[in-house]
PDB file of N, CA and C in Angstrom:
ATOM      1  N   MET A   1      25.156   3.083 -35.695  1.00  0.00           N
ATOM      2  CA  MET A   1      24.005   2.994 -34.815  1.00  0.00           C
ATOM      3  C   MET A   1      23.012   2.005 -35.410  1.00  0.00           C
ATOM      4  N   SER A   2      22.414   1.192 -34.551  1.00  0.00           N
ATOM      5  CA  SER A   2      21.385   0.258 -34.976  1.00  0.00           C
ATOM      6  C   SER A   2      20.034   0.736 -34.469  1.00  0.00           C
ATOM      7  N   LEU A   3      19.021   0.430 -35.218  1.00  0.00           N
ATOM      8  CA  LEU A   3      17.652   0.751 -34.840  1.00  0.00           C
ATOM      9  C   LEU A   3      16.906  -0.563 -34.661  1.00  0.00           C
ATOM     10  N   VAL A   4      16.281  -0.747 -33.510  1.00  0.00           N
ATOM     11  CA  VAL A   4      15.539  -1.972 -33.238  1.00  0.00           C
ATOM     12  C   VAL A   4      14.054  -1.626 -33.221  1.00  0.00           C
ATOM     13  N   ASN A   5      13.316  -2.193 -34.155  1.00  0.00           N
ATOM     14  CA  ASN A   5      11.870  -2.038 -34.171  1.00  0.00           C
ATOM     15  C   ASN A   5      11.284  -3.194 -33.368  1.00  0.00           C
ATOM     16  N   HIS A   6      10.662  -2.889 -32.252  1.00  0.00           N
ATOM     17  CA  HIS A   6      10.150  -3.929 -31.355  1.00  0.00           C
ATOM     18  C   HIS A   6       9.177  -4.868 -32.064  1.00  0.00           C
ATOM     19  N   ASN A   7       8.448  -4.361 -33.034  1.00  0.00           N
ATOM     20  CA  ASN A   7       7.488  -5.209 -33.757  1.00  0.00           C
ATOM     21  C   ASN A   7       8.179  -6.287 -34.589  1.00  0.00           C
ATOM     22  N   ASP A   8       9.471  -6.100 -34.874  1.00  0.00           N
ATOM     23  CA  ASP A   8      10.220  -7.077 -35.662  1.00  0.00           C
ATOM     24  C   ASP A   8      10.945  -8.116 -34.801  1.00  0.00           C
ATOM     25  N   VAL A   9      10.874  -7.963 -33.475  1.00  0.00           N
ATOM     26  CA  VAL A   9      11.594  -8.859 -32.572  1.00  0.00           C
ATOM     27  C   VAL A   9      10.659  -9.982 -32.127  1.00  0.00           C
ATOM     28  N   PRO A  10      11.037 -11.234 -32.361  1.00  0.00           N
ATOM     29  CA  PRO A  10      10.168 -12.344 -31.965  1.00  0.00           C
ATOM     30  C   PRO A  10      10.024 -12.450 -30.442  1.00  0.00           C
ATOM     31  N   LEU A  11       8.891 -12.982 -30.032  1.00  0.00           N
ATOM     32  CA  LEU A  11       8.631 -13.227 -28.618  1.00  0.00           C
ATOM     33  C   LEU A  11       9.150 -14.603 -28.249  1.00  0.00           C
ATOM     34  N   GLN A  12       9.869 -14.672 -27.127  1.00  0.00           N
ATOM     35  CA  GLN A  12      10.348 -15.944 -26.597  1.00  0.00           C
ATOM     36  C   GLN A  12       9.436 -16.308 -25.434  1.00  0.00           C
ATOM     37  N   PRO A  13       8.745 -17.450 -25.497  1.00  0.00           N
ATOM     38  CA  PRO A  13       7.861 -17.826 -24.380  1.00  0.00           C
ATOM     39  C   PRO A  13       8.661 -18.271 -23.156  1.00  0.00           C
ATOM     40  N   PHE A  14       8.173 -17.876 -21.990  1.00  0.00           N
ATOM     41  CA  PHE A  14       8.720 -18.321 -20.710  1.00  0.00           C
ATOM     42  C   PHE A  14       7.700 -19.244 -20.067  1.00  0.00           C
ATOM     43  N   PRO A  15       8.140 -20.213 -19.240  1.00  0.00           N
ATOM     44  CA  PRO A  15       7.183 -21.030 -18.501  1.00  0.00           C
ATOM     45  C   PRO A  15       6.272 -20.138 -17.664  1.00  0.00           C
ATOM     46  N   GLY A  16       4.994 -20.465 -17.629  1.00  0.00           N
ATOM     47  CA  GLY A  16       4.050 -19.695 -16.837  1.00  0.00           C
ATOM     48  C   GLY A  16       3.324 -18.628 -17.628  1.00  0.00           C
ATOM     49  N   GLY A  17       3.674 -18.469 -18.918  1.00  0.00           N
ATOM     50  CA  GLY A  17       2.922 -17.568 -19.770  1.00  0.00           C
ATOM     51  C   GLY A  17       3.548 -16.221 -20.067  1.00  0.00           C
ATOM     52  N   ALA A  18       4.691 -15.896 -19.471  1.00  0.00           N
ATOM     53  CA  ALA A  18       5.360 -14.634 -19.787  1.00  0.00           C
ATOM     54  C   ALA A  18       6.071 -14.763 -21.131  1.00  0.00           C
ATOM     55  N   THR A  19       6.370 -13.611 -21.738  1.00  0.00           N
ATOM     56  CA  THR A  19       7.160 -13.591 -22.965  1.00  0.00           C
ATOM     57  C   THR A  19       8.327 -12.620 -22.787  1.00  0.00           C
ATOM     58  N   TYR A  20       9.369 -12.830 -23.584  1.00  0.00           N
ATOM     59  CA  TYR A  20      10.581 -12.012 -23.515  1.00  0.00           C
ATOM     60  C   TYR A  20      11.008 -11.663 -24.931  1.00  0.00           C
ATOM     61  N   GLN A  21      11.360 -10.408 -25.142  1.00  0.00           N
ATOM     62  CA  GLN A  21      11.888  -9.950 -26.414  1.00  0.00           C
ATOM     63  C   GLN A  21      13.307  -9.451 -26.191  1.00  0.00           C
ATOM     64  N   THR A  22      14.280 -10.082 -26.809  1.00  0.00           N
ATOM     65  CA  THR A  22      15.663  -9.618 -26.708  1.00  0.00           C
ATOM     66  C   THR A  22      15.858  -8.481 -27.705  1.00  0.00           C
ATOM     67  N   LEU A  23      16.023  -7.256 -27.180  1.00  0.00           N
ATOM     68  CA  LEU A  23      16.210  -6.082 -28.030  1.00  0.00           C
ATOM     69  C   LEU A  23      17.670  -5.865 -28.386  1.00  0.00           C
ATOM     70  N   VAL A  24      18.558  -6.151 -27.439  1.00  0.00           N
ATOM     71  CA  VAL A  24      19.995  -6.026 -27.649  1.00  0.00           C
ATOM     72  C   VAL A  24      20.626  -7.320 -27.163  1.00  0.00           C
ATOM     73  N   GLY A  25      21.401  -7.959 -28.007  1.00  0.00           N
ATOM     74  CA  GLY A  25      22.047  -9.216 -27.648  1.00  0.00           C
ATOM     75  C   GLY A  25      21.720 -10.283 -28.676  1.00  0.00           C
ATOM     76  N   ASP A  26      22.547 -11.304 -28.710  1.00  0.00           N
ATOM     77  CA  ASP A  26      22.340 -12.403 -29.642  1.00  0.00           C
ATOM     78  C   ASP A  26      22.928 -13.681 -29.063  1.00  0.00           C
ATOM     79  N   ASP A  27      22.680 -14.779 -29.740  1.00  0.00           N
ATOM     80  CA  ASP A  27      23.153 -16.077 -29.258  1.00  0.00           C
ATOM     81  C   ASP A  27      24.669 -16.182 -29.238  1.00  0.00           C
ATOM     82  N   GLU A  28      25.347 -15.362 -30.006  1.00  0.00           N
ATOM     83  CA  GLU A  28      26.811 -15.401 -30.057  1.00  0.00           C
ATOM     84  C   GLU A  28      27.452 -14.574 -28.949  1.00  0.00           C
ATOM     85  N   GLY A  29      26.656 -13.797 -28.204  1.00  0.00           N
ATOM     86  CA  GLY A  29      27.215 -12.968 -27.138  1.00  0.00           C
ATOM     87  C   GLY A  29      28.057 -11.826 -27.666  1.00  0.00           C
ATOM     88  N   SER A  30      27.627 -11.217 -28.762  1.00  0.00           N
ATOM     89  CA  SER A  30      28.438 -10.192 -29.409  1.00  0.00           C
ATOM     90  C   SER A  30      28.284  -8.788 -28.820  1.00  0.00           C
ATOM     91  N   THR A  31      27.407  -8.618 -27.844  1.00  0.00           N
ATOM     92  CA  THR A  31      27.223  -7.294 -27.234  1.00  0.00           C
ATOM     93  C   THR A  31      27.619  -7.352 -25.754  1.00  0.00           C
ATOM     94  N   PRO A  32      28.085  -6.246 -25.173  1.00  0.00           N
ATOM     95  CA  PRO A  32      28.506  -6.268 -23.770  1.00  0.00           C
ATOM     96  C   PRO A  32      27.342  -6.278 -22.780  1.00  0.00           C
ATOM     97  N   VAL A  33      26.135  -5.989 -23.247  1.00  0.00           N
ATOM     98  CA  VAL A  33      24.940  -6.031 -22.403  1.00  0.00           C
ATOM     99  C   VAL A  33      23.843  -6.758 -23.161  1.00  0.00           C
ATOM    100  N   ARG A  34      22.830  -7.181 -22.415  1.00  0.00           N
ATOM    101  CA  ARG A  34      21.639  -7.781 -23.016  1.00  0.00           C
ATOM    102  C   ARG A  34      20.451  -7.012 -22.469  1.00  0.00           C
ATOM    103  N   ILE A  35      19.602  -6.552 -23.351  1.00  0.00           N
ATOM    104  CA  ILE A  35      18.435  -5.769 -22.959  1.00  0.00           C
ATOM    105  C   ILE A  35      17.197  -6.430 -23.541  1.00  0.00           C
ATOM    106  N   GLY A  36      16.164  -6.563 -22.714  1.00  0.00           N
ATOM    107  CA  GLY A  36      14.942  -7.179 -23.197  1.00  0.00           C
ATOM    108  C   GLY A  36      13.720  -6.662 -22.485  1.00  0.00           C
ATOM    109  N   ILE A  37      12.584  -6.882 -23.126  1.00  0.00           N
ATOM    110  CA  ILE A  37      11.294  -6.536 -22.549  1.00  0.00           C
ATOM    111  C   ILE A  37      10.573  -7.823 -22.195  1.00  0.00           C
ATOM    112  N   GLN A  38      10.145  -7.907 -20.940  1.00  0.00           N
ATOM    113  CA  GLN A  38       9.380  -9.056 -20.479  1.00  0.00           C
ATOM    114  C   GLN A  38       7.950  -8.613 -20.228  1.00  0.00           C
ATOM    115  N   THR A  39       7.004  -9.385 -20.749  1.00  0.00           N
ATOM    116  CA  THR A  39       5.587  -9.141 -20.506  1.00  0.00           C
ATOM    117  C   THR A  39       5.056 -10.319 -19.707  1.00  0.00           C
ATOM    118  N   SER A  40       4.592 -10.016 -18.490  1.00  0.00           N
ATOM    119  CA  SER A  40       4.143 -11.051 -17.561  1.00  0.00           C
ATOM    120  C   SER A  40       2.641 -10.905 -17.336  1.00  0.00           C
ATOM    121  N   PRO A  41       1.854 -11.962 -17.610  1.00  0.00           N
ATOM    122  CA  PRO A  41       0.412 -11.853 -17.428  1.00  0.00           C
ATOM    123  C   PRO A  41       0.051 -11.748 -15.945  1.00  0.00           C
ATOM    124  N   PRO A  42      -1.144 -11.250 -15.636  1.00  0.00           N
ATOM    125  CA  PRO A  42      -1.572 -11.181 -14.240  1.00  0.00           C
ATOM    126  C   PRO A  42      -1.401 -12.538 -13.551  1.00  0.00           C
ATOM    127  N   GLY A  43      -0.847 -12.512 -12.356  1.00  0.00           N
ATOM    128  CA  GLY A  43      -0.632 -13.731 -11.584  1.00  0.00           C
ATOM    129  C   GLY A  43       0.700 -14.412 -11.839  1.00  0.00           C
ATOM    130  N   TYR A  44       1.422 -14.012 -12.875  1.00  0.00           N
ATOM    131  CA  TYR A  44       2.721 -14.620 -13.177  1.00  0.00           C
ATOM    132  C   TYR A  44       3.715 -14.295 -12.063  1.00  0.00           C
ATOM    133  N   ALA A  45       4.561 -15.263 -11.725  1.00  0.00           N
ATOM    134  CA  ALA A  45       5.613 -15.046 -10.722  1.00  0.00           C
ATOM    135  C   ALA A  45       6.880 -15.757 -11.175  1.00  0.00           C
ATOM    136  N   THR A  46       8.005 -15.088 -11.001  1.00  0.00           N
ATOM    137  CA  THR A  46       9.282 -15.724 -11.293  1.00  0.00           C
ATOM    138  C   THR A  46       9.664 -16.603 -10.104  1.00  0.00           C
ATOM    139  N   PRO A  47      10.512 -17.581 -10.318  1.00  0.00           N
ATOM    140  CA  PRO A  47      11.084 -18.272  -9.164  1.00  0.00           C
ATOM    141  C   PRO A  47      12.103 -17.345  -8.497  1.00  0.00           C
ATOM    142  N   THR A  48      12.511 -17.689  -7.286  1.00  0.00           N
ATOM    143  CA  THR A  48      13.605 -16.957  -6.657  1.00  0.00           C
ATOM    144  C   THR A  48      14.861 -17.257  -7.467  1.00  0.00           C
ATOM    145  N   HIS A  49      15.533 -16.202  -7.881  1.00  0.00           N
ATOM    146  CA  HIS A  49      16.695 -16.374  -8.744  1.00  0.00           C
ATOM    147  C   HIS A  49      17.679 -15.224  -8.545  1.00  0.00           C
ATOM    148  N   SER A  50      18.826 -15.357  -9.173  1.00  0.00           N
ATOM    149  CA  SER A  50      19.831 -14.292  -9.180  1.00  0.00           C
ATOM    150  C   SER A  50      20.585 -14.386 -10.499  1.00  0.00           C
ATOM    151  N   HIS A  51      21.472 -13.427 -10.713  1.00  0.00           N
ATOM    152  CA  HIS A  51      22.299 -13.382 -11.903  1.00  0.00           C
ATOM    153  C   HIS A  51      23.741 -13.114 -11.462  1.00  0.00           C
ATOM    154  N   PRO A  52      24.734 -13.643 -12.167  1.00  0.00           N
ATOM    155  CA  PRO A  52      26.132 -13.418 -11.774  1.00  0.00           C
ATOM    156  C   PRO A  52      26.674 -12.069 -12.271  1.00  0.00           C
ATOM    157  N   TYR A  53      25.785 -11.110 -12.429  1.00  0.00           N
ATOM    158  CA  TYR A  53      26.113  -9.769 -12.894  1.00  0.00           C
ATOM    159  C   TYR A  53      24.989  -8.838 -12.443  1.00  0.00           C
ATOM    160  N   MET A  54      25.209  -7.537 -12.563  1.00  0.00           N
ATOM    161  CA  MET A  54      24.177  -6.563 -12.206  1.00  0.00           C
ATOM    162  C   MET A  54      23.009  -6.649 -13.191  1.00  0.00           C
ATOM    163  N   GLU A  55      21.800  -6.504 -12.647  1.00  0.00           N
ATOM    164  CA  GLU A  55      20.588  -6.433 -13.462  1.00  0.00           C
ATOM    165  C   GLU A  55      19.833  -5.168 -13.072  1.00  0.00           C
ATOM    166  N   VAL A  56      19.306  -4.466 -14.068  1.00  0.00           N
ATOM    167  CA  VAL A  56      18.499  -3.277 -13.845  1.00  0.00           C
ATOM    168  C   VAL A  56      17.155  -3.516 -14.512  1.00  0.00           C
ATOM    169  N   ILE A  57      16.066  -3.388 -13.736  1.00  0.00           N
ATOM    170  CA  ILE A  57      14.714  -3.631 -14.248  1.00  0.00           C
ATOM    171  C   ILE A  57      13.897  -2.354 -14.096  1.00  0.00           C
ATOM    172  N   THR A  58      13.347  -1.854 -15.195  1.00  0.00           N
ATOM    173  CA  THR A  58      12.473  -0.686 -15.166  1.00  0.00           C
ATOM    174  C   THR A  58      11.055  -1.123 -15.501  1.00  0.00           C
ATOM    175  N   ILE A  59      10.097  -0.677 -14.698  1.00  0.00           N
ATOM    176  CA  ILE A  59       8.701  -1.015 -14.909  1.00  0.00           C
ATOM    177  C   ILE A  59       8.129  -0.067 -15.956  1.00  0.00           C
ATOM    178  N   LEU A  60       7.610  -0.627 -17.053  1.00  0.00           N
ATOM    179  CA  LEU A  60       7.038   0.177 -18.128  1.00  0.00           C
ATOM    180  C   LEU A  60       5.529   0.334 -17.975  1.00  0.00           C
ATOM    181  N   SER A  61       4.842  -0.741 -17.583  1.00  0.00           N
ATOM    182  CA  SER A  61       3.398  -0.666 -17.367  1.00  0.00           C
ATOM    183  C   SER A  61       2.960  -1.841 -16.499  1.00  0.00           C
ATOM    184  N   GLY A  62       1.759  -1.718 -15.952  1.00  0.00           N
ATOM    185  CA  GLY A  62       1.225  -2.748 -15.082  1.00  0.00           C
ATOM    186  C   GLY A  62       1.657  -2.537 -13.645  1.00  0.00           C
ATOM    187  N   SER A  63       1.407  -3.551 -12.837  1.00  0.00           N
ATOM    188  CA  SER A  63       1.770  -3.476 -11.423  1.00  0.00           C
ATOM    189  C   SER A  63       2.249  -4.834 -10.947  1.00  0.00           C
ATOM    190  N   GLY A  64       3.024  -4.779  -9.871  1.00  0.00           N
ATOM    191  CA  GLY A  64       3.545  -6.010  -9.314  1.00  0.00           C
ATOM    192  C   GLY A  64       4.224  -5.749  -7.995  1.00  0.00           C
ATOM    193  N   GLU A  65       4.882  -6.774  -7.519  1.00  0.00           N
ATOM    194  CA  GLU A  65       5.667  -6.645  -6.297  1.00  0.00           C
ATOM    195  C   GLU A  65       6.880  -7.538  -6.429  1.00  0.00           C
ATOM    196  N   ALA A  66       7.928  -7.174  -5.665  1.00  0.00           N
ATOM    197  CA  ALA A  66       9.185  -7.914  -5.738  1.00  0.00           C
ATOM    198  C   ALA A  66       9.729  -8.148  -4.337  1.00  0.00           C
ATOM    199  N   TRP A  67      10.387  -9.277  -4.185  1.00  0.00           N
ATOM    200  CA  TRP A  67      11.140  -9.590  -2.974  1.00  0.00           C
ATOM    201  C   TRP A  67      12.604  -9.545  -3.360  1.00  0.00           C
ATOM    202  N   ILE A  68      13.391  -8.866  -2.543  1.00  0.00           N
ATOM    203  CA  ILE A  68      14.832  -8.755  -2.763  1.00  0.00           C
ATOM    204  C   ILE A  68      15.518  -9.131  -1.456  1.00  0.00           C
ATOM    205  N   GLU A  69      16.371 -10.149  -1.498  1.00  0.00           N
ATOM    206  CA  GLU A  69      17.053 -10.602  -0.288  1.00  0.00           C
ATOM    207  C   GLU A  69      17.778  -9.426   0.375  1.00  0.00           C
ATOM    208  N   GLY A  70      17.593  -9.330   1.704  1.00  0.00           N
ATOM    209  CA  GLY A  70      18.266  -8.283   2.470  1.00  0.00           C
ATOM    210  C   GLY A  70      17.449  -7.016   2.622  1.00  0.00           C
ATOM    211  N   GLN A  71      16.302  -6.945   1.945  1.00  0.00           N
ATOM    212  CA  GLN A  71      15.447  -5.777   2.090  1.00  0.00           C
ATOM    213  C   GLN A  71      14.170  -6.179   2.815  1.00  0.00           C
ATOM    214  N   GLU A  72      13.704  -5.302   3.672  1.00  0.00           N
ATOM    215  CA  GLU A  72      12.515  -5.580   4.457  1.00  0.00           C
ATOM    216  C   GLU A  72      11.258  -5.376   3.617  1.00  0.00           C
ATOM    217  N   GLY A  73      10.339  -6.305   3.692  1.00  0.00           N
ATOM    218  CA  GLY A  73       9.071  -6.181   2.994  1.00  0.00           C
ATOM    219  C   GLY A  73       9.203  -6.383   1.489  1.00  0.00           C
ATOM    220  N   LEU A  74       8.088  -6.171   0.814  1.00  0.00           N
ATOM    221  CA  LEU A  74       8.044  -6.314  -0.639  1.00  0.00           C
ATOM    222  C   LEU A  74       8.108  -4.937  -1.288  1.00  0.00           C
ATOM    223  N   ALA A  75       8.783  -4.856  -2.407  1.00  0.00           N
ATOM    224  CA  ALA A  75       8.847  -3.612  -3.177  1.00  0.00           C
ATOM    225  C   ALA A  75       7.634  -3.535  -4.089  1.00  0.00           C
ATOM    226  N   THR A  76       7.021  -2.371  -4.184  1.00  0.00           N
ATOM    227  CA  THR A  76       5.903  -2.147  -5.084  1.00  0.00           C
ATOM    228  C   THR A  76       6.443  -1.819  -6.471  1.00  0.00           C
ATOM    229  N   LEU A  77       5.961  -2.535  -7.473  1.00  0.00           N
ATOM    230  CA  LEU A  77       6.397  -2.313  -8.854  1.00  0.00           C
ATOM    231  C   LEU A  77       5.283  -1.604  -9.612  1.00  0.00           C
ATOM    232  N   GLU A  78       5.617  -0.455 -10.169  1.00  0.00           N
ATOM    233  CA  GLU A  78       4.683   0.328 -10.972  1.00  0.00           C
ATOM    234  C   GLU A  78       5.506   1.217 -11.891  1.00  0.00           C
ATOM    235  N   PRO A  79       4.896   1.756 -12.944  1.00  0.00           N
ATOM    236  CA  PRO A  79       5.660   2.632 -13.839  1.00  0.00           C
ATOM    237  C   PRO A  79       6.339   3.751 -13.052  1.00  0.00           C
ATOM    238  N   GLY A  80       7.577   4.021 -13.409  1.00  0.00           N
ATOM    239  CA  GLY A  80       8.370   5.021 -12.704  1.00  0.00           C
ATOM    240  C   GLY A  80       9.300   4.417 -11.669  1.00  0.00           C
ATOM    241  N   VAL A  81       9.294   3.085 -11.524  1.00  0.00           N
ATOM    242  CA  VAL A  81      10.152   2.394 -10.563  1.00  0.00           C
ATOM    243  C   VAL A  81      11.219   1.609 -11.327  1.00  0.00           C
ATOM    244  N   THR A  82      12.448   1.679 -10.844  1.00  0.00           N
ATOM    245  CA  THR A  82      13.554   0.897 -11.394  1.00  0.00           C
ATOM    246  C   THR A  82      14.231   0.151 -10.257  1.00  0.00           C
ATOM    247  N   LEU A  83      14.436  -1.142 -10.448  1.00  0.00           N
ATOM    248  CA  LEU A  83      15.174  -1.970  -9.496  1.00  0.00           C
ATOM    249  C   LEU A  83      16.616  -2.098  -9.981  1.00  0.00           C
ATOM    250  N   VAL A  84      17.564  -1.914  -9.082  1.00  0.00           N
ATOM    251  CA  VAL A  84      18.979  -2.101  -9.404  1.00  0.00           C
ATOM    252  C   VAL A  84      19.471  -3.235  -8.506  1.00  0.00           C
ATOM    253  N   LEU A  85      19.772  -4.353  -9.118  1.00  0.00           N
ATOM    254  CA  LEU A  85      20.113  -5.568  -8.382  1.00  0.00           C
ATOM    255  C   LEU A  85      21.574  -5.923  -8.606  1.00  0.00           C
ATOM    256  N   PRO A  86      22.378  -5.943  -7.538  1.00  0.00           N
ATOM    257  CA  PRO A  86      23.779  -6.340  -7.690  1.00  0.00           C
ATOM    258  C   PRO A  86      23.906  -7.819  -8.065  1.00  0.00           C
ATOM    259  N   ALA A  87      25.052  -8.184  -8.539  1.00  0.00           N
ATOM    260  CA  ALA A  87      25.324  -9.580  -8.880  1.00  0.00           C
ATOM    261  C   ALA A  87      25.059 -10.490  -7.676  1.00  0.00           C
ATOM    262  N   HIS A  88      24.474 -11.633  -7.955  1.00  0.00           N
ATOM    263  CA  HIS A  88      24.245 -12.709  -6.983  1.00  0.00           C
ATOM    264  C   HIS A  88      23.195 -12.380  -5.922  1.00  0.00           C
ATOM    265  N   GLN A  89      22.394 -11.315  -6.076  1.00  0.00           N
ATOM    266  CA  GLN A  89      21.372 -10.989  -5.079  1.00  0.00           C
ATOM    267  C   GLN A  89      20.067 -11.714  -5.431  1.00  0.00           C
ATOM    268  N   PRO A  90      19.665 -12.689  -4.603  1.00  0.00           N
ATOM    269  CA  PRO A  90      18.416 -13.399  -4.874  1.00  0.00           C
ATOM    270  C   PRO A  90      17.216 -12.442  -4.847  1.00  0.00           C
ATOM    271  N   HIS A  91      16.287 -12.690  -5.759  1.00  0.00           N
ATOM    272  CA  HIS A  91      15.082 -11.881  -5.857  1.00  0.00           C
ATOM    273  C   HIS A  91      14.015 -12.645  -6.635  1.00  0.00           C
ATOM    274  N   TRP A  92      12.799 -12.155  -6.548  1.00  0.00           N
ATOM    275  CA  TRP A  92      11.707 -12.628  -7.404  1.00  0.00           C
ATOM    276  C   TRP A  92      10.745 -11.476  -7.603  1.00  0.00           C
ATOM    277  N   PHE A  93       9.913 -11.570  -8.614  1.00  0.00           N
ATOM    278  CA  PHE A  93       8.838 -10.598  -8.768  1.00  0.00           C
ATOM    279  C   PHE A  93       7.610 -11.293  -9.325  1.00  0.00           C
ATOM    280  N   ARG A  94       6.465 -10.646  -9.124  1.00  0.00           N
ATOM    281  CA  ARG A  94       5.206 -11.187  -9.631  1.00  0.00           C
ATOM    282  C   ARG A  94       4.320 -10.046 -10.109  1.00  0.00           C
ATOM    283  N   ALA A  95       3.474 -10.398 -11.068  1.00  0.00           N
ATOM    284  CA  ALA A  95       2.510  -9.445 -11.617  1.00  0.00           C
ATOM    285  C   ALA A  95       1.253  -9.480 -10.765  1.00  0.00           C
ATOM    286  N   THR A  96       0.792  -8.316 -10.382  1.00  0.00           N
ATOM    287  CA  THR A  96      -0.458  -8.199  -9.626  1.00  0.00           C
ATOM    288  C   THR A  96      -1.421  -7.354 -10.464  1.00  0.00           C
ATOM    289  N   GLY A  97      -2.639  -7.282 -10.046  1.00  0.00           N
ATOM    290  CA  GLY A  97      -3.617  -6.504 -10.799  1.00  0.00           C
ATOM    291  C   GLY A  97      -4.163  -7.295 -11.968  1.00  0.00           C
ATOM    292  N   ASP A  98      -4.908  -6.608 -12.844  1.00  0.00           N
ATOM    293  CA  ASP A  98      -5.576  -7.290 -13.950  1.00  0.00           C
ATOM    294  C   ASP A  98      -4.965  -6.970 -15.315  1.00  0.00           C
ATOM    295  N   GLN A  99      -3.820  -6.314 -15.325  1.00  0.00           N
ATOM    296  CA  GLN A  99      -3.113  -6.003 -16.571  1.00  0.00           C
ATOM    297  C   GLN A  99      -1.731  -6.653 -16.538  1.00  0.00           C
ATOM    298  N   PRO A 100      -1.148  -6.933 -17.704  1.00  0.00           N
ATOM    299  CA  PRO A 100       0.212  -7.485 -17.714  1.00  0.00           C
ATOM    300  C   PRO A 100       1.218  -6.519 -17.095  1.00  0.00           C
ATOM    301  N   LEU A 101       2.227  -7.073 -16.481  1.00  0.00           N
ATOM    302  CA  LEU A 101       3.368  -6.307 -15.974  1.00  0.00           C
ATOM    303  C   LEU A 101       4.427  -6.328 -17.076  1.00  0.00           C
ATOM    304  N   VAL A 102       4.799  -5.144 -17.561  1.00  0.00           N
ATOM    305  CA  VAL A 102       5.776  -5.046 -18.647  1.00  0.00           C
ATOM    306  C   VAL A 102       7.024  -4.373 -18.094  1.00  0.00           C
ATOM    307  N   THR A 103       8.153  -5.060 -18.228  1.00  0.00           N
ATOM    308  CA  THR A 103       9.421  -4.561 -17.682  1.00  0.00           C
ATOM    309  C   THR A 103      10.489  -4.549 -18.770  1.00  0.00           C
ATOM    310  N   CYS A 104      11.431  -3.636 -18.607  1.00  0.00           N
ATOM    311  CA  CYS A 104      12.612  -3.600 -19.467  1.00  0.00           C
ATOM    312  C   CYS A 104      13.804  -3.952 -18.589  1.00  0.00           C
ATOM    313  N   GLY A 105      14.481  -5.025 -18.919  1.00  0.00           N
ATOM    314  CA  GLY A 105      15.610  -5.491 -18.127  1.00  0.00           C
ATOM    315  C   GLY A 105      16.927  -5.309 -18.854  1.00  0.00           C
ATOM    316  N   VAL A 106      17.914  -4.796 -18.125  1.00  0.00           N
ATOM    317  CA  VAL A 106      19.261  -4.648 -18.651  1.00  0.00           C
ATOM    318  C   VAL A 106      20.154  -5.605 -17.869  1.00  0.00           C
ATOM    319  N   HIS A 107      20.765  -6.525 -18.573  1.00  0.00           N
ATOM    320  CA  HIS A 107      21.675  -7.494 -17.980  1.00  0.00           C
ATOM    321  C   HIS A 107      23.095  -7.064 -18.340  1.00  0.00           C
ATOM    322  N   ALA A 108      23.929  -6.828 -17.337  1.00  0.00           N
ATOM    323  CA  ALA A 108      25.313  -6.381 -17.566  1.00  0.00           C
ATOM    324  C   ALA A 108      26.173  -7.584 -17.958  1.00  0.00           C
ATOM    325  N   SER A 109      25.772  -8.209 -19.065  1.00  0.00           N
ATOM    326  CA  SER A 109      26.428  -9.419 -19.545  1.00  0.00           C
ATOM    327  C   SER A 109      26.012  -9.628 -21.000  1.00  0.00           C
ATOM    328  N   PRO A 110      26.851 -10.232 -21.812  1.00  0.00           N
ATOM    329  CA  PRO A 110      26.430 -10.553 -23.177  1.00  0.00           C
ATOM    330  C   PRO A 110      25.394 -11.675 -23.228  1.00  0.00           C
ATOM    331  N   ASP A 111      25.298 -12.453 -22.153  1.00  0.00           N
ATOM    332  CA  ASP A 111      24.351 -13.568 -22.076  1.00  0.00           C
ATOM    333  C   ASP A 111      23.404 -13.355 -20.904  1.00  0.00           C
ATOM    334  N   ARG A 112      22.149 -13.781 -21.064  1.00  0.00           N
ATOM    335  CA  ARG A 112      21.181 -13.741 -19.966  1.00  0.00           C
ATOM    336  C   ARG A 112      21.336 -15.039 -19.187  1.00  0.00           C
ATOM    337  N   ILE A 113      21.868 -14.928 -17.970  1.00  0.00           N
ATOM    338  CA  ILE A 113      22.146 -16.105 -17.125  1.00  0.00           C
ATOM    339  C   ILE A 113      21.250 -16.013 -15.899  1.00  0.00           C
ATOM    340  N   VAL A 114      20.473 -17.049 -15.658  1.00  0.00           N
ATOM    341  CA  VAL A 114      19.553 -17.068 -14.524  1.00  0.00           C
ATOM    342  C   VAL A 114      19.912 -18.247 -13.642  1.00  0.00           C
ATOM    343  N   ASP A 115      20.254 -17.960 -12.384  1.00  0.00           N
ATOM    344  CA  ASP A 115      20.542 -19.003 -11.393  1.00  0.00           C
ATOM    345  C   ASP A 115      19.322 -19.131 -10.496  1.00  0.00           C
ATOM    346  N   ILE A 116      18.629 -20.278 -10.600  1.00  0.00           N
ATOM    347  CA  ILE A 116      17.415 -20.529  -9.816  1.00  0.00           C
ATOM    348  C   ILE A 116      17.826 -20.995  -8.421  1.00  0.00           C
ATOM    349  N   HIS A 117      17.159 -20.446  -7.400  1.00  0.00           N
ATOM    350  CA  HIS A 117      17.402 -20.828  -6.019  1.00  0.00           C
ATOM    351  C   HIS A 117      16.235 -21.697  -5.534  1.00  0.00           C
ATOM    352  N   GLU A 118      16.548 -22.797  -4.945  1.00  0.00           N
ATOM    353  CA  GLU A 118      15.506 -23.672  -4.408  1.00  0.00           C
ATOM    354  C   GLU A 118      14.854 -23.028  -3.198  1.00  0.00           C
ATOM    355  N   ALA A 119      13.582 -23.306  -3.016  1.00  0.00           N
ATOM    356  CA  ALA A 119      12.844 -22.734  -1.874  1.00  0.00           C
ATOM    357  C   ALA A 119      13.317 -23.334  -0.572  1.00  0.00           C
TER     358      ALA A 119
END
């Protein structure tokens, strides 16, 4: 068993001011899943994107909203909500409110692969 102390995991900057911490996974792809915590500042928004594998996102703190192709309206993101996204399903999310949106994402892949969709 491995123990991951979040304080020992470096932050990876994302364009737009968000950060990502890879808790499980490495550059060699030695694990069957990749798990990370993303902290998105107020107003941050991802581009419309998808992944070639299932992604599960749990909201840890903050608030936001998400668009998921094939679903009517926007999903409200708040603690206690988990999104389960099948492979290749376009989606985006954004942080709303005045606090960062903190999410824990599980990628059913050894690598984090993001396919950006043009508007």
